[in-house]
């Protein structure tokens, strides 16, 4: 009996121990499982999703904003005016700021530095490029390039372009040049080398450029690409429209004409080089150079700077304008460098909505008739943030122009910014609503000028010259209604009527060889409503302040001026009351 009780107790203890061990095992397993699961959750991290690739914006919808000008235009072979032959010393200006950032993928474009790293560009430092915060005008043509902005590798400061086998297109430095067969092309970007352009500066690439233009002209949108590192020689050519859609002429390399009159083809016009005719929505842009190679043209015996005291010799005298635009609309010219044109650098005839920005024009001060930008019968013009240094007018505004806004221009050496000459050969001229502001004119023969011939008719009105700094300028403020290039000009009873001219906040220094203000108005058609406010002009040398000159000029002085202007007449001249004046 006692034995049986001991066995029962032993069995109970064994069962109880087994139960305890089983419970402990289950508990340990549960704790171990929870611990392991906790680590798995902590160490897991989600792989970030890749950022989407940049998308190209379709630019084909930005076309046909406005129609061409309705006034009749000269043919592309029309004569160009050839007046004003004086000069001054030339200076170099700073290079344009880099292209906008965010180039499209697939085009090997270098990313440009952020604009915030660029210094502000006050006009007195001669760097008018991409003025920060300057509002763009509401009617400026839309740039059809959109996402296609190429960024140019900075070109060397001197010397010829790199040979093709070392071409540094717009790839990173040292990268091999993309061959035309393998160049990036989405169907809209056309490299001129695909049509056989060589780009060695010697071969004639005219036909290749013509074929490229014809191909681009048939597309809804096209980019003609002139690659960096190449120099393309082109004969006198007319690029004709209308085209199917908008075109971007992207010049990253160098374009040049034949070298001088002897190399010019006899069948080609010697009055023009590159002409754009009846084009709507064209953007001519890039970081490249258009080299006019004008030196041999300037040396023709007929050019007055070659002879003694400006005399000339008989002989052929036609010289080509570098870039001409006829009967075209919605034009953009930006970020280009153009130099040494045989005659005018740019000329616009019968055009509408022209936006020019951040360009750099240079030619020697003694280069004859090398106006920077000339406009004729053209309206809706904006010229912003540019540097122009040449042998004639920085900007010249001819008859038939209105709604012109010029801002932040560094001009000079040269002949200043001119309205005219107007009324030549007894013609009728109308110019109105012109504004020149926030600019610098330095070491120039003239500052802001209005010039008309005797015998003309029509009117110049609604002109504002505002916030302009003069630096050693001869004739800072001038109206000359006796403009003449020879000594046999005679006074005539008719004249272009000049009225409603405002000069505001014009300060700086003048060359003492001429008075700081010169108002020479017609005997029979006086200048009226001339307003001078906050004008302060001091001699660049010495202490003697010259008196202003006035002849038959009527106006008002809201503020005191330096020097004092006592020669302006008050009221309305009787000759205007007695005679009918053409007010356009």
Protein backbone atom coordinates (compact mmCIF):
# COMPACT_ATOMS: atom_id res chain seq x y z
CA UNK A 1 0.00 0.00 0.00
CA UNK A 2 2.75 2.42 0.87
CA UNK A 3 4.58 1.38 -2.31
CA UNK A 4 1.57 2.12 -4.47
CA UNK A 5 1.20 5.58 -2.92
CA UNK A 6 4.86 6.43 -3.68
CA UNK A 7 4.46 5.38 -7.33
CA UNK A 8 1.38 7.59 -7.73
CA UNK A 9 3.21 10.60 -6.27
CA UNK A 10 6.18 9.98 -8.58
CA UNK A 11 3.92 9.81 -11.67
CA UNK A 12 2.17 13.02 -10.61
CA UNK A 13 5.48 14.85 -10.20
CA UNK A 14 6.69 13.70 -13.61
CA UNK A 15 3.46 14.86 -15.28
CA UNK A 16 3.57 18.19 -13.44
CA UNK A 17 7.20 18.75 -14.48
CA UNK A 18 6.34 17.93 -18.08
CA UNK A 19 3.50 20.41 -17.99
CA UNK A 20 5.77 23.13 -16.61
CA UNK A 21 8.44 22.49 -19.27
CA UNK A 22 5.82 22.53 -22.00
CA UNK A 23 4.45 25.89 -20.87
CA UNK A 24 7.97 27.37 -20.64
CA UNK A 25 8.82 26.12 -24.13
CA UNK A 26 5.71 27.66 -25.67
CA UNK A 27 6.34 30.94 -23.90
CA UNK A 28 9.96 31.11 -25.08
CA UNK A 29 8.91 30.38 -28.66
CA UNK A 30 6.33 33.13 -28.56
CA UNK A 31 8.82 35.71 -27.23
CA UNK A 32 11.44 34.66 -29.77
CA UNK A 33 8.93 35.00 -32.61
CA UNK A 34 7.90 38.50 -31.56
CA UNK A 35 11.51 39.67 -31.25
CA UNK A 36 12.45 38.43 -34.71
CA UNK A 37 9.40 40.05 -36.32
CA UNK A 38 10.21 43.37 -34.69
CA UNK A 39 13.68 43.50 -36.29
CA UNK A 40 12.33 42.65 -39.69
CA UNK A 41 9.95 45.60 -39.58
CA UNK A 42 12.63 48.10 -38.40
CA UNK A 43 15.25 47.20 -40.99
CA UNK A 44 12.87 47.41 -44.00
CA UNK A 45 13.12 50.60 -46.07
CA UNK A 46 11.15 51.40 -49.20
CA UNK A 47 13.16 51.93 -52.38
CA UNK A 48 12.48 55.48 -53.64
CA UNK A 49 10.64 55.64 -56.93
CA UNK A 50 12.65 57.09 -59.83
CA UNK A 51 11.90 60.70 -60.71
CA UNK A 52 10.16 61.15 -64.05
CA UNK A 53 12.34 62.15 -66.98
CA UNK A 54 11.89 65.73 -68.26
CA UNK A 55 9.20 66.08 -70.86
CA UNK A 56 9.57 68.21 -73.98
CA UNK A 57 6.92 70.84 -74.40
CA UNK A 58 5.24 70.74 -77.76
CA UNK A 59 6.04 74.13 -79.30
CA UNK A 60 3.91 73.71 -82.37
CA UNK A 61 0.99 75.59 -80.83
CA UNK A 62 2.86 78.90 -80.56
CA UNK A 63 2.56 79.97 -84.15
CA UNK A 64 0.78 82.69 -86.08
CA UNK A 65 0.35 85.25 -83.33
CA UNK A 66 0.11 88.21 -85.71
CA UNK A 67 -0.06 88.99 -89.38
CA UNK A 68 2.59 90.66 -91.47
CA UNK A 69 2.63 94.43 -91.91
CA UNK A 70 0.16 95.60 -94.53
CA UNK A 71 2.15 98.49 -95.94
CA UNK A 72 3.93 97.87 -99.22
CA UNK A 73 7.52 96.85 -98.82
CA UNK A 74 10.58 97.11 -101.00
CA UNK A 75 11.74 93.96 -102.66
CA UNK A 76 14.70 92.14 -101.10
CA UNK A 77 16.89 93.87 -103.69
CA UNK A 78 15.84 97.38 -102.61
CA UNK A 79 18.49 100.02 -102.07
CA UNK A 80 19.51 100.71 -98.52
CA UNK A 81 20.14 104.24 -97.27
CA UNK A 82 23.77 105.12 -96.94
CA UNK A 83 24.18 108.22 -94.84
CA UNK A 84 26.27 109.21 -91.84
CA UNK A 85 29.96 108.44 -92.23
CA UNK A 86 31.68 109.53 -88.99
CA UNK A 87 33.29 107.53 -86.23
CA UNK A 88 34.90 107.22 -82.79
CA UNK A 89 36.93 104.67 -80.90
CA UNK A 90 35.55 101.18 -80.37
CA UNK A 91 35.39 99.26 -77.13
CA UNK A 92 34.70 95.67 -76.26
CA UNK A 93 31.71 94.74 -74.15
CA UNK A 94 31.06 91.85 -71.88
CA UNK A 95 29.82 88.61 -73.35
CA UNK A 96 26.21 87.51 -73.04
CA UNK A 97 25.01 85.62 -70.02
CA UNK A 98 24.59 81.85 -70.33
CA UNK A 99 21.51 80.20 -71.78
CA UNK A 100 18.50 79.32 -69.63
CA UNK A 101 18.78 76.08 -67.69
CA UNK A 102 16.84 72.85 -68.15
CA UNK A 103 17.73 71.85 -71.71
CA UNK A 104 15.80 68.86 -73.03
CA UNK A 105 17.21 65.42 -72.44
CA UNK A 106 18.70 63.75 -75.47
CA UNK A 107 20.42 66.84 -76.85
CA UNK A 108 23.67 66.70 -74.89
CA UNK A 109 23.11 70.26 -73.76
CA UNK A 110 25.19 71.55 -70.89
CA UNK A 111 23.17 72.85 -67.96
CA UNK A 112 23.62 76.59 -67.61
CA UNK A 113 24.36 78.19 -64.25
CA UNK A 114 21.35 79.50 -62.39
CA UNK A 115 20.52 83.12 -63.30
CA UNK A 116 20.71 83.96 -59.61
CA UNK A 117 24.47 83.66 -59.78
CA UNK A 118 24.69 86.43 -62.36
CA UNK A 119 25.49 89.91 -61.10
CA UNK A 120 22.99 92.68 -61.59
CA UNK A 121 23.70 94.64 -64.71
CA UNK A 122 23.38 98.39 -64.28
CA UNK A 123 23.66 100.06 -67.67
CA UNK A 124 26.71 102.12 -66.70
CA UNK A 125 28.77 98.93 -66.63
CA UNK A 126 28.06 98.21 -70.23
CA UNK A 127 26.48 94.84 -69.61
CA UNK A 128 22.91 94.94 -70.70
CA UNK A 129 22.38 91.23 -70.78
CA UNK A 130 19.33 89.65 -69.19
CA UNK A 131 18.58 92.41 -66.75
CA UNK A 132 17.18 90.72 -63.62
CA UNK A 133 13.61 91.52 -62.90
CA UNK A 134 12.99 93.39 -66.12
CA UNK A 135 9.41 92.69 -67.16
CA UNK A 136 8.96 91.35 -70.63
CA UNK A 137 6.42 93.19 -72.74
CA UNK A 138 3.08 91.55 -73.15
CA UNK A 139 3.18 91.63 -76.93
CA UNK A 140 6.65 90.11 -77.26
CA UNK A 141 6.57 87.17 -79.67
CA UNK A 142 6.47 83.82 -77.96
CA UNK A 143 9.72 81.97 -78.41
CA UNK A 144 8.75 78.84 -80.34
CA UNK A 145 11.86 77.03 -79.15
CA UNK A 146 10.40 76.30 -75.68
CA UNK A 147 12.22 73.20 -74.43
CA UNK A 148 14.79 73.22 -77.21
CA UNK A 149 17.15 75.86 -75.78
CA UNK A 150 20.69 74.75 -76.48
CA UNK A 151 23.52 75.82 -74.20
CA UNK A 152 26.67 76.79 -75.97
CA UNK A 153 30.14 75.98 -74.73
CA UNK A 154 31.86 79.37 -74.45
CA UNK A 155 33.87 80.12 -77.56
CA UNK A 156 37.50 81.21 -77.38
CA UNK A 157 37.97 84.94 -77.02
CA UNK A 158 40.07 85.10 -80.15
CA UNK A 159 41.25 83.01 -83.05
CA UNK A 160 39.35 80.87 -85.53
CA UNK A 161 36.76 78.32 -84.59
CA UNK A 162 38.02 74.87 -83.67
CA UNK A 163 38.50 72.58 -86.67
CA UNK A 164 35.82 69.95 -87.21
CA UNK A 165 37.96 67.07 -85.99
CA UNK A 166 38.32 68.81 -82.65
CA UNK A 167 34.83 70.26 -82.68
CA UNK A 168 33.42 70.80 -79.27
CA UNK A 169 29.81 71.06 -80.33
CA UNK A 170 27.65 71.55 -77.23
CA UNK A 171 29.00 68.46 -75.48
CA UNK A 172 31.27 68.53 -72.48
CA UNK A 173 34.84 69.74 -73.11
CA UNK A 174 36.97 67.11 -74.76
CA UNK A 175 34.05 65.04 -75.98
CA UNK A 176 34.24 64.01 -79.63
CA UNK A 177 32.05 65.95 -82.01
CA UNK A 178 28.80 64.27 -82.90
CA UNK A 179 28.79 63.31 -86.55
CA UNK A 180 25.85 64.55 -88.63
CA UNK A 181 24.66 60.99 -89.17
CA UNK A 182 24.50 60.31 -85.45
CA UNK A 183 23.57 63.78 -84.18
CA UNK A 184 20.56 63.96 -81.88
CA UNK A 185 17.40 64.45 -83.93
CA UNK A 186 13.80 64.07 -82.91
CA UNK A 187 12.61 64.97 -86.40
CA UNK A 188 12.35 68.66 -85.57
CA UNK A 189 16.04 69.48 -85.01
CA UNK A 190 18.00 69.59 -88.26
CA UNK A 191 21.80 69.81 -88.21
CA UNK A 192 23.00 71.69 -91.30
CA UNK A 193 25.75 69.07 -91.74
CA UNK A 194 23.10 66.48 -92.62
CA UNK A 195 22.66 68.27 -95.93
CA UNK A 196 26.39 68.40 -96.62
CA UNK A 197 27.60 71.54 -94.82
CA UNK A 198 31.32 71.19 -94.07
CA UNK A 199 32.01 74.06 -91.67
CA UNK A 200 35.72 74.50 -92.35
CA UNK A 201 35.41 78.23 -93.15
CA UNK A 202 36.52 77.64 -96.75
CA UNK A 203 34.02 75.31 -98.41
CA UNK A 204 30.86 76.86 -99.84
CA UNK A 205 28.03 75.70 -97.58
CA UNK A 206 25.31 77.78 -99.26
CA UNK A 207 23.38 74.91 -100.85
CA UNK A 208 23.44 72.89 -97.63
CA UNK A 209 21.88 75.80 -95.74
CA UNK A 210 19.26 76.29 -98.47
CA UNK A 211 18.27 72.63 -98.34
CA UNK A 212 18.13 72.73 -94.56
CA UNK A 213 15.87 75.77 -94.74
CA UNK A 214 13.58 74.14 -97.32
CA UNK A 215 13.26 71.06 -95.11
CA UNK A 216 12.53 73.12 -91.99
CA UNK A 217 10.05 75.30 -93.87
CA UNK A 218 7.84 72.29 -94.56
CA UNK A 219 7.45 71.34 -90.89
CA UNK A 220 4.99 72.57 -88.29
CA UNK A 221 7.99 73.38 -86.11
CA UNK A 222 11.70 73.02 -86.82
CA UNK A 223 15.08 73.90 -85.34
CA UNK A 224 17.91 74.59 -87.80
CA UNK A 225 21.05 73.87 -85.84
CA UNK A 226 24.42 75.43 -86.68
CA UNK A 227 26.76 73.50 -84.36
CA UNK A 228 29.49 74.97 -82.22
CA UNK A 229 33.10 74.46 -83.30
CA UNK A 230 32.44 74.98 -87.02
CA UNK A 231 32.68 78.00 -89.35
CA UNK A 232 30.25 77.96 -92.26
CA UNK A 233 30.83 80.16 -95.31
CA UNK A 234 27.61 81.17 -97.09
CA UNK A 235 27.11 83.24 -100.24
CA UNK A 236 24.43 85.93 -100.52
CA UNK A 237 21.15 84.06 -99.92
CA UNK A 238 17.42 84.72 -99.49
CA UNK A 239 15.53 82.44 -97.09
CA UNK A 240 11.98 82.67 -98.35
CA UNK A 241 8.62 82.00 -96.73
CA UNK A 242 5.83 81.64 -95.92
CA UNK A 243 6.64 78.43 -94.06
CA UNK A 244 4.41 75.72 -92.66
CA UNK A 245 5.16 76.67 -89.05
CA UNK A 246 7.63 78.39 -86.76
CA UNK A 247 11.38 78.05 -87.21
CA UNK A 248 14.25 78.42 -84.77
CA UNK A 249 17.60 79.24 -86.36
CA UNK A 250 19.96 78.08 -83.60
CA UNK A 251 23.45 79.49 -84.29
CA UNK A 252 26.01 77.98 -81.93
CA UNK A 253 28.90 78.02 -84.41
CA UNK A 254 30.09 80.76 -86.79
CA UNK A 255 28.48 81.93 -90.03
CA UNK A 256 30.43 84.14 -92.43
CA UNK A 257 30.20 85.49 -96.01
CA UNK A 258 32.90 85.35 -98.71
CA UNK A 259 35.94 87.41 -97.80
CA UNK A 260 35.49 90.78 -99.49
CA UNK A 261 34.23 92.15 -102.83
CA UNK A 262 36.67 90.10 -104.92
CA UNK A 263 35.29 86.85 -103.50
CA UNK A 264 31.66 87.82 -104.03
CA UNK A 265 29.91 85.95 -106.84
CA UNK A 266 29.11 88.31 -109.71
CA UNK A 267 25.54 87.00 -110.02
CA UNK A 268 24.77 87.83 -106.39
CA UNK A 269 23.61 91.16 -105.01
CA UNK A 270 26.29 93.19 -103.29
CA UNK A 271 23.70 95.05 -101.25
CA UNK A 272 22.77 92.21 -98.92
CA UNK A 273 24.05 88.96 -97.53
CA UNK A 274 21.45 86.96 -95.55
CA UNK A 275 17.83 87.88 -96.21
CA UNK A 276 14.66 86.54 -94.56
CA UNK A 277 11.57 87.25 -96.68
CA UNK A 278 7.90 86.81 -95.72
CA UNK A 279 8.56 84.76 -92.58
CA UNK A 280 6.22 84.44 -89.62
CA UNK A 281 7.45 83.13 -86.24
CA UNK A 282 11.22 83.04 -86.69
CA UNK A 283 13.68 82.96 -83.80
CA UNK A 284 17.31 83.67 -84.68
CA UNK A 285 19.33 82.85 -81.59
CA UNK A 286 22.24 81.04 -79.99
CA UNK A 287 25.62 81.65 -78.48
CA UNK A 288 27.46 81.68 -81.80
CA UNK A 289 28.82 84.47 -83.99
CA UNK A 290 27.81 86.01 -87.28
CA UNK A 291 31.00 87.46 -88.74
CA UNK A 292 30.41 89.98 -91.55
CA UNK A 293 34.10 90.12 -92.60
CA UNK A 294 33.66 93.75 -93.56
CA UNK A 295 37.25 95.03 -93.57
CA UNK A 296 37.82 94.72 -97.34
CA UNK A 297 34.51 96.44 -98.02
CA UNK A 298 35.40 99.36 -95.77
CA UNK A 299 38.63 99.82 -97.72
CA UNK A 300 36.89 100.49 -101.06
CA UNK A 301 38.08 103.82 -102.50
CA UNK A 302 34.52 105.17 -102.42
CA UNK A 303 34.39 104.97 -98.63
CA UNK A 304 35.01 108.43 -97.14
CA UNK A 305 37.18 107.39 -94.23
CA UNK A 306 39.97 106.37 -96.63
CA UNK A 307 40.59 109.70 -98.34
CA UNK A 308 42.12 112.90 -97.06
CA UNK A 309 39.60 114.76 -94.92
CA UNK A 310 36.97 112.18 -95.77
CA UNK A 311 37.18 112.53 -99.55
CA UNK A 312 36.16 109.68 -101.83
CA UNK A 313 37.17 108.25 -105.17
CA UNK A 314 34.82 107.05 -107.91
CA UNK A 315 34.12 103.36 -108.31
CA UNK A 316 31.67 100.69 -107.16
CA UNK A 317 30.43 101.32 -103.65
CA UNK A 318 27.66 98.80 -102.95
CA UNK A 319 28.26 96.97 -99.70
CA UNK A 320 26.06 94.22 -98.24
CA UNK A 321 23.89 94.54 -95.17
CA UNK A 322 24.57 91.49 -93.03
CA UNK A 323 21.02 90.52 -92.01
CA UNK A 324 17.83 91.84 -93.63
CA UNK A 325 14.23 91.03 -92.78
CA UNK A 326 11.42 91.91 -95.23
CA UNK A 327 7.65 91.71 -94.73
CA UNK A 328 8.05 89.38 -91.76
CA UNK A 329 6.31 89.17 -88.41
CA UNK A 330 6.81 87.80 -84.90
CA UNK A 331 10.59 87.82 -85.09
CA UNK A 332 12.96 87.14 -82.20
CA UNK A 333 16.70 87.80 -82.27
CA UNK A 334 18.52 86.96 -79.05
CA UNK A 335 21.86 86.08 -77.47
CA UNK A 336 23.81 86.39 -80.73
CA UNK A 337 27.12 88.09 -81.39
CA UNK A 338 27.43 89.83 -84.74
CA UNK A 339 30.49 91.74 -85.83
CA UNK A 340 32.13 93.63 -88.67
CA UNK A 341 29.25 93.91 -91.13
CA UNK A 342 30.22 95.54 -94.45
CA UNK A 343 27.28 97.91 -93.93
CA UNK A 344 24.28 97.76 -91.55
CA UNK A 345 24.36 94.78 -89.20
CA UNK A 346 20.55 94.38 -89.00
CA UNK A 347 17.82 95.97 -91.09
CA UNK A 348 14.07 95.42 -90.74
CA UNK A 349 11.71 96.59 -93.52
CA UNK A 350 7.91 96.34 -93.29
CA UNK A 351 8.06 94.02 -90.30
CA UNK A 352 5.73 93.65 -87.34
CA UNK A 353 6.40 92.49 -83.77
CA UNK A 354 10.19 92.34 -83.53
CA UNK A 355 11.83 91.37 -80.23
CA UNK A 356 15.61 91.83 -79.96
CA UNK A 357 17.34 90.98 -76.71
CA UNK A 358 20.79 90.28 -75.29
CA UNK A 359 22.72 90.72 -78.51
CA UNK A 360 26.25 92.04 -78.91
CA UNK A 361 27.16 94.07 -82.02
CA UNK A 362 30.71 95.25 -82.61
CA UNK A 363 32.59 96.96 -85.44
CA UNK A 364 35.52 99.41 -85.44
CA UNK A 365 34.68 103.04 -84.79
CA UNK A 366 36.02 104.00 -88.23
CA UNK A 367 33.96 101.43 -90.11
CA UNK A 368 31.68 103.44 -92.42
CA UNK A 369 27.88 103.15 -92.28
CA UNK A 370 27.86 100.11 -90.01
CA UNK A 371 24.63 100.90 -88.15
CA UNK A 372 23.81 98.33 -85.51
CA UNK A 373 20.04 98.03 -86.01
CA UNK A 374 18.03 99.95 -88.59
CA UNK A 375 14.23 99.75 -88.81
CA UNK A 376 12.01 101.12 -91.57
CA UNK A 377 8.19 100.91 -91.88
CA UNK A 378 8.26 98.57 -88.90
CA UNK A 379 6.16 98.60 -85.74
CA UNK A 380 5.92 96.76 -82.45
CA UNK A 381 9.70 96.73 -81.91
CA UNK A 382 11.45 95.91 -78.63
CA UNK A 383 15.23 96.23 -78.30
CA UNK A 384 16.39 95.25 -74.82
CA UNK A 385 19.53 94.50 -72.79
CA UNK A 386 22.11 94.73 -75.57
CA UNK A 387 25.56 96.18 -76.28
CA UNK A 388 26.23 97.96 -79.57
CA UNK A 389 29.59 99.45 -80.50
CA UNK A 390 30.14 100.39 -84.15
CA UNK A 391 30.97 103.09 -86.67
CA UNK A 392 27.52 104.65 -87.04
CA UNK A 393 24.16 104.78 -85.27
CA UNK A 394 23.64 102.11 -82.63
CA UNK A 395 19.95 102.14 -83.50
CA UNK A 396 18.46 104.15 -86.36
CA UNK A 397 14.71 104.57 -86.79
CA UNK A 398 13.46 105.43 -90.25
CA UNK A 399 10.15 106.52 -91.70
CA UNK A 400 6.96 104.56 -91.02
CA UNK A 401 8.00 103.30 -87.59
CA UNK A 402 5.83 103.44 -84.48
CA UNK A 403 5.49 101.65 -81.14
CA UNK A 404 9.23 101.18 -80.55
CA UNK A 405 10.62 100.50 -77.07
CA UNK A 406 14.40 100.60 -76.51
CA UNK A 407 15.60 99.74 -73.02
CA UNK A 408 18.89 99.02 -71.24
CA UNK A 409 21.18 99.56 -74.21
CA UNK A 410 24.88 100.29 -73.91
CA UNK A 411 25.73 102.31 -77.01
CA UNK A 412 29.10 103.50 -78.18
CA UNK A 413 31.45 104.36 -79.48
CA UNK A 414 29.29 105.26 -82.47
CA UNK A 415 26.77 107.89 -83.47
CA UNK A 416 24.22 107.33 -80.75
CA UNK A 417 20.52 106.49 -81.07
CA UNK A 418 18.86 108.32 -83.96
CA UNK A 419 15.43 108.96 -85.36
CA UNK A 420 16.08 109.63 -89.04
CA UNK A 421 17.29 110.74 -91.31
CA UNK A 422 13.78 111.65 -92.50
CA UNK A 423 12.36 113.55 -95.49
CA UNK A 424 15.22 112.89 -97.92
CA UNK A 425 14.44 113.75 -101.57
CA UNK A 426 11.32 115.67 -100.47
CA UNK A 427 9.73 112.50 -99.11
CA UNK A 428 7.00 112.19 -96.48
CA UNK A 429 7.99 110.60 -93.17
CA UNK A 430 5.92 109.59 -90.15
CA UNK A 431 7.38 108.38 -86.84
CA UNK A 432 5.55 108.17 -83.50
CA UNK A 433 5.48 106.58 -80.06
CA UNK A 434 9.19 105.93 -79.63
CA UNK A 435 10.73 105.37 -76.17
CA UNK A 436 14.42 105.15 -75.30
CA UNK A 437 15.10 104.56 -71.60
CA UNK A 438 17.47 103.21 -68.95
CA UNK A 439 20.50 103.26 -71.24
CA UNK A 440 24.10 104.41 -71.51
CA UNK A 441 25.68 106.30 -74.41
CA UNK A 442 29.45 106.70 -74.25
CA UNK A 443 32.22 108.30 -76.32
CA UNK A 444 29.86 108.91 -79.25
CA UNK A 445 29.40 111.65 -81.83
CA UNK A 446 25.79 112.05 -80.75
CA UNK A 447 23.56 110.99 -77.90
CA UNK A 448 19.84 110.98 -78.68
CA UNK A 449 19.22 112.57 -82.05
CA UNK A 450 16.39 113.52 -84.40
CA UNK A 451 17.59 114.37 -87.90
CA UNK A 452 15.56 115.51 -90.91
CA UNK A 453 16.28 116.88 -94.37
CA UNK A 454 15.02 120.18 -95.69
CA UNK A 455 12.10 119.79 -98.09
CA UNK A 456 10.49 116.78 -96.45
CA UNK A 457 7.01 116.49 -94.97
CA UNK A 458 5.20 114.45 -92.35
CA UNK A 459 5.78 114.43 -88.60
CA UNK A 460 7.79 113.05 -85.69
CA UNK A 461 5.82 113.03 -82.45
CA UNK A 462 5.39 111.25 -79.13
CA UNK A 463 9.10 110.65 -78.47
CA UNK A 464 10.48 109.97 -74.96
CA UNK A 465 14.16 109.87 -73.99
CA UNK A 466 14.31 108.93 -70.32
CA UNK A 467 16.90 107.92 -67.72
CA UNK A 468 19.94 108.03 -70.00
CA UNK A 469 23.53 108.42 -68.86
CA UNK A 470 25.95 110.27 -71.18
CA UNK A 471 29.68 109.66 -70.94
CA UNK A 472 31.85 112.10 -72.93
CA UNK A 473 29.30 112.45 -75.73
CA UNK A 474 29.41 115.10 -78.41
CA UNK A 475 25.88 116.51 -78.96
CA UNK A 476 24.16 114.57 -76.14
CA UNK A 477 20.76 116.05 -77.09
CA UNK A 478 20.26 117.16 -80.68
CA UNK A 479 17.49 117.97 -83.13
CA UNK A 480 18.89 118.79 -86.56
CA UNK A 481 16.37 119.78 -89.23
CA UNK A 482 19.15 120.90 -91.55
CA UNK A 483 20.70 117.47 -91.96
CA UNK A 484 22.81 117.25 -95.10
CA UNK A 485 25.76 115.19 -96.29
CA UNK A 486 27.09 117.69 -98.82
CA UNK A 487 27.74 121.40 -98.88
CA UNK A 488 25.13 122.23 -101.55
CA UNK A 489 21.96 121.63 -99.52
CA UNK A 490 19.64 124.62 -99.68
CA UNK A 491 16.93 125.72 -97.26
CA UNK A 492 13.40 124.84 -98.28
CA UNK A 493 10.04 125.95 -96.99
CA UNK A 494 8.71 122.49 -96.17
CA UNK A 495 9.99 120.27 -93.37
CA UNK A 496 9.12 117.28 -91.24
CA UNK A 497 7.18 118.60 -88.23
CA UNK A 498 8.83 117.73 -84.89
CA UNK A 499 6.67 117.94 -81.77
CA UNK A 500 5.94 116.39 -78.35
CA UNK A 501 9.50 115.39 -77.46
CA UNK A 502 10.31 114.63 -73.80
CA UNK A 503 13.85 114.58 -72.38
CA UNK A 504 13.76 113.32 -68.79
CA UNK A 505 16.58 112.49 -66.36
CA UNK A 506 19.42 112.77 -68.84
CA UNK A 507 22.72 113.24 -67.01
CA UNK A 508 26.45 112.87 -67.55
CA UNK A 509 29.26 114.54 -69.44
CA UNK A 510 29.67 115.98 -72.93
CA UNK A 511 32.53 116.62 -75.32
CA UNK A 512 33.20 120.37 -75.23
CA UNK A 513 33.65 120.56 -79.03
CA UNK A 514 29.85 120.89 -79.29
CA UNK A 515 27.14 122.35 -77.06
CA UNK A 516 25.38 119.86 -74.79
CA UNK A 517 21.97 120.67 -76.30
CA UNK A 518 21.37 121.61 -79.93
CA UNK A 519 17.89 122.39 -81.28
CA UNK A 520 18.16 123.53 -84.91
CA UNK A 521 14.59 123.63 -86.19
CA UNK A 522 13.14 124.62 -89.54
CA UNK A 523 12.58 128.30 -90.31
CA UNK A 524 9.03 127.65 -91.50
CA UNK A 525 8.03 124.56 -89.45
CA UNK A 526 9.31 125.08 -85.89
CA UNK A 527 9.80 122.33 -83.31
CA UNK A 528 7.10 122.49 -80.64
CA UNK A 529 6.34 121.10 -77.20
CA UNK A 530 9.93 120.17 -76.35
CA UNK A 531 10.10 119.29 -72.63
CA UNK A 532 13.36 119.11 -70.64
CA UNK A 533 13.17 117.74 -67.10
CA UNK A 534 16.07 116.82 -64.80
CA UNK A 535 18.72 117.34 -67.46
CA UNK A 536 22.24 117.73 -66.05
CA UNK A 537 25.16 117.77 -68.50
CA UNK A 538 28.66 118.85 -67.51
CA UNK A 539 31.83 119.17 -69.61
CA UNK A 540 34.00 116.06 -69.71
CA UNK A 541 37.08 118.33 -69.57
CA UNK A 542 37.54 121.73 -68.01
CA UNK A 543 35.11 123.87 -66.06
CA UNK A 544 33.57 125.99 -68.79
CA UNK A 545 29.93 125.06 -69.38
CA UNK A 546 28.76 125.66 -72.95
CA UNK A 547 25.43 127.33 -73.65
CA UNK A 548 22.71 125.29 -75.36
CA UNK A 549 21.84 126.23 -78.94
CA UNK A 550 18.26 126.86 -80.08
CA UNK A 551 16.79 127.95 -83.38
CA UNK A 552 13.02 128.27 -83.78
CA UNK A 553 12.47 125.74 -80.98
CA UNK A 554 9.48 126.01 -78.63
CA UNK A 555 9.26 124.17 -75.34
CA UNK A 556 8.99 123.98 -71.58
CA UNK A 557 11.32 123.49 -68.59
CA UNK A 558 9.52 121.91 -65.60
CA UNK A 559 12.81 121.80 -63.66
CA UNK A 560 16.08 123.68 -63.70
CA UNK A 561 18.63 122.23 -66.10
CA UNK A 562 22.42 122.19 -66.19
CA UNK A 563 23.42 124.12 -68.16
CA UNK A 564 20.45 126.51 -67.97
CA UNK A 565 18.36 126.60 -71.15
CA UNK A 566 17.22 130.14 -71.84
CA UNK A 567 16.89 129.89 -75.60
CA UNK A 568 13.65 127.88 -75.84
CA UNK A 569 10.67 129.92 -76.99
CA UNK A 570 7.30 129.81 -75.25
CA UNK A 571 3.82 129.31 -76.62
CA UNK A 572 2.64 128.24 -80.05
CA UNK A 573 4.38 129.74 -83.09
CA UNK A 574 2.19 131.80 -85.42
CA UNK A 575 3.56 129.96 -88.44
CA UNK A 576 1.77 126.81 -87.25
CA UNK A 577 -1.49 128.71 -86.83
CA UNK A 578 -1.26 130.29 -90.28
CA UNK A 579 -0.16 127.18 -92.17
CA UNK A 580 -1.64 123.72 -92.41
CA UNK A 581 0.81 121.20 -90.93
CA UNK A 582 0.89 117.53 -91.90
CA UNK A 583 0.44 115.64 -88.61
CA UNK A 584 0.50 112.13 -90.18
